[in-house]
Amino acid sequence: QVQLVESGGGVVQAGGSLRLSCAASGRTFSSYAMGWFRQAPGKEREFVAAISWSTVYTDSVKGRFTISRDNAKNTMYLQMNSLKPEDTAVYYCAARLSFSSSRVPTEYRYWGQGTQVTVSS
């Protein structure tokens, strides 16, 4: 079964950077479209970015975040630059058996445990 584990979260000052990693099990990693979502306390889970043969970003992170993947290492990354306090949330990686990405959380079958990102003013 597919297992996803996020890492790289932490506390950073506004304007700083973090890189999140998502390590996936399975030798068929390249067959899955991957995505990053985030959820702040009391709020719904929000789409951040996704990658298949191309990349998609939510408007609020365009130009600041970069999603990438290394299929040989079964790992997906989210490089986050120019962080803002409103980026504070638990970040989750997700996977779906598809060659097309999705912005909809319910369309992803596999999820990691989440990693906390806190951006201070």
Protein backbone atom coordinates (compact mmCIF):
# COMPACT_ATOMS: atom_id res chain seq x y z
CA GLN A 1 0.00 0.00 0.00
CA VAL A 2 1.09 3.55 -0.62
CA GLN A 3 2.43 5.39 2.42
CA LEU A 4 3.31 9.07 2.48
CA VAL A 5 5.47 10.83 5.07
CA GLU A 6 5.96 14.61 5.16
CA SER A 7 8.94 16.36 6.69
CA GLY A 8 10.61 19.76 6.68
CA GLY A 9 8.05 21.81 8.56
CA GLY A 10 9.00 24.21 11.31
CA VAL A 11 8.92 27.81 12.47
CA VAL A 12 10.18 30.57 10.20
CA GLN A 13 9.98 34.35 10.14
CA ALA A 14 7.90 36.13 7.52
CA GLY A 15 9.88 36.42 4.31
CA GLY A 16 11.83 33.27 5.01
CA SER A 17 11.88 29.92 3.24
CA LEU A 18 11.21 26.27 3.94
CA ARG A 19 11.32 23.14 1.82
CA LEU A 20 8.86 20.37 2.55
CA SER A 21 9.47 16.79 1.49
CA CYS A 22 7.06 13.93 0.99
CA ALA A 23 8.56 10.46 0.88
CA ALA A 24 6.36 7.82 -0.74
CA SER A 25 6.49 4.05 -0.64
CA GLY A 26 6.02 1.90 -3.70
CA ARG A 27 7.86 1.42 -6.97
CA THR A 28 4.99 2.88 -9.00
CA PHE A 29 5.44 6.40 -7.66
CA SER A 30 5.58 7.85 -11.17
CA SER A 31 2.07 6.54 -11.89
CA TYR A 32 0.54 8.86 -9.31
CA ALA A 33 -0.40 12.47 -9.55
CA MET A 34 0.76 14.22 -6.38
CA GLY A 35 -0.44 17.25 -4.50
CA TRP A 36 0.09 19.46 -1.47
CA PHE A 37 -2.77 20.68 0.71
CA ARG A 38 -2.86 22.70 3.90
CA GLN A 39 -5.26 23.16 6.77
CA ALA A 40 -5.29 25.91 9.37
CA PRO A 41 -7.14 25.49 12.70
CA GLY A 42 -10.88 25.85 12.26
CA LYS A 43 -10.65 26.00 8.48
CA GLU A 44 -11.22 23.59 5.64
CA ARG A 45 -8.44 21.76 3.85
CA GLU A 46 -7.09 23.94 1.06
CA PHE A 47 -5.40 23.03 -2.18
CA VAL A 48 -1.86 24.38 -2.54
CA ALA A 49 -0.17 22.76 -5.53
CA ALA A 50 -0.18 19.61 -7.64
CA ILE A 51 2.10 17.89 -10.12
CA SER A 52 1.70 15.23 -12.77
CA TRP A 53 3.18 16.00 -16.22
CA SER A 54 2.69 19.68 -15.36
CA THR A 55 2.25 21.83 -12.27
CA VAL A 56 -0.73 23.70 -10.87
CA TYR A 57 -0.82 26.23 -8.03
CA THR A 58 -3.48 28.01 -6.07
CA ASP A 59 -3.38 31.76 -6.74
CA SER A 60 -2.17 32.74 -3.28
CA VAL A 61 1.15 30.88 -3.65
CA LYS A 62 1.96 31.51 -7.31
CA GLY A 63 5.42 32.97 -7.70
CA ARG A 64 6.39 31.98 -4.16
CA PHE A 65 6.02 28.18 -3.99
CA THR A 66 7.47 25.56 -6.32
CA ILE A 67 6.34 21.94 -6.45
CA SER A 68 8.65 19.27 -7.82
CA ARG A 69 9.21 15.54 -7.71
CA ASP A 70 12.08 13.10 -7.96
CA ASN A 71 10.60 9.83 -9.17
CA ALA A 72 13.86 7.93 -8.68
CA LYS A 73 13.78 8.83 -4.99
CA ASN A 74 10.00 8.48 -4.60
CA THR A 75 9.95 11.98 -3.17
CA MET A 76 7.93 15.13 -3.78
CA TYR A 77 8.97 18.60 -2.65
CA LEU A 78 7.41 21.95 -1.96
CA GLN A 79 9.85 24.85 -1.94
CA MET A 80 8.24 27.75 -0.11
CA ASN A 81 9.78 31.21 -0.43
CA SER A 82 8.66 34.62 0.78
CA LEU A 83 6.52 33.01 3.44
CA LYS A 84 3.67 34.97 4.98
CA PRO A 85 1.86 34.51 8.32
CA GLU A 86 -1.23 33.39 6.40
CA ASP A 87 0.76 30.40 5.13
CA THR A 88 0.69 28.98 8.66
CA ALA A 89 -1.02 25.58 8.58
CA VAL A 90 -0.51 21.86 8.70
CA TYR A 91 0.71 20.80 5.27
CA TYR A 92 -0.27 17.44 3.83
CA CYS A 93 0.97 15.57 0.80
CA ALA A 94 -1.43 13.41 -1.15
CA ALA A 95 -1.45 11.00 -4.07
CA ARG A 96 -3.98 9.72 -6.58
CA LEU A 97 -3.69 6.99 -9.20
CA SER A 98 -3.99 9.26 -12.18
CA PHE A 99 -1.84 11.06 -14.70
CA SER A 100 -3.84 14.23 -14.21
CA SER A 101 -3.77 16.38 -11.11
CA SER A 102 -6.72 17.64 -9.10
CA ARG A 103 -7.50 20.55 -6.78
CA VAL A 104 -10.12 18.51 -4.92
CA PRO A 105 -9.06 16.77 -1.67
CA THR A 106 -11.63 13.98 -1.98
CA GLU A 107 -10.11 12.89 -5.28
CA TYR A 108 -6.87 11.87 -3.56
CA ARG A 109 -6.77 8.39 -2.07
CA TYR A 110 -3.53 8.50 -0.09
CA TRP A 111 -2.46 11.06 2.50
CA GLY A 112 0.49 11.75 4.75
CA GLN A 113 0.26 12.61 8.43
CA GLY A 114 0.98 16.29 7.94
CA THR A 115 3.79 18.63 8.96
CA GLN A 116 3.33 21.93 10.79
CA VAL A 117 4.48 25.16 9.18
CA THR A 118 4.39 28.28 11.34
CA VAL A 119 5.28 31.70 9.95
CA SER A 120 5.82 34.44 12.51
CA SER A 121 5.51 38.18 11.93
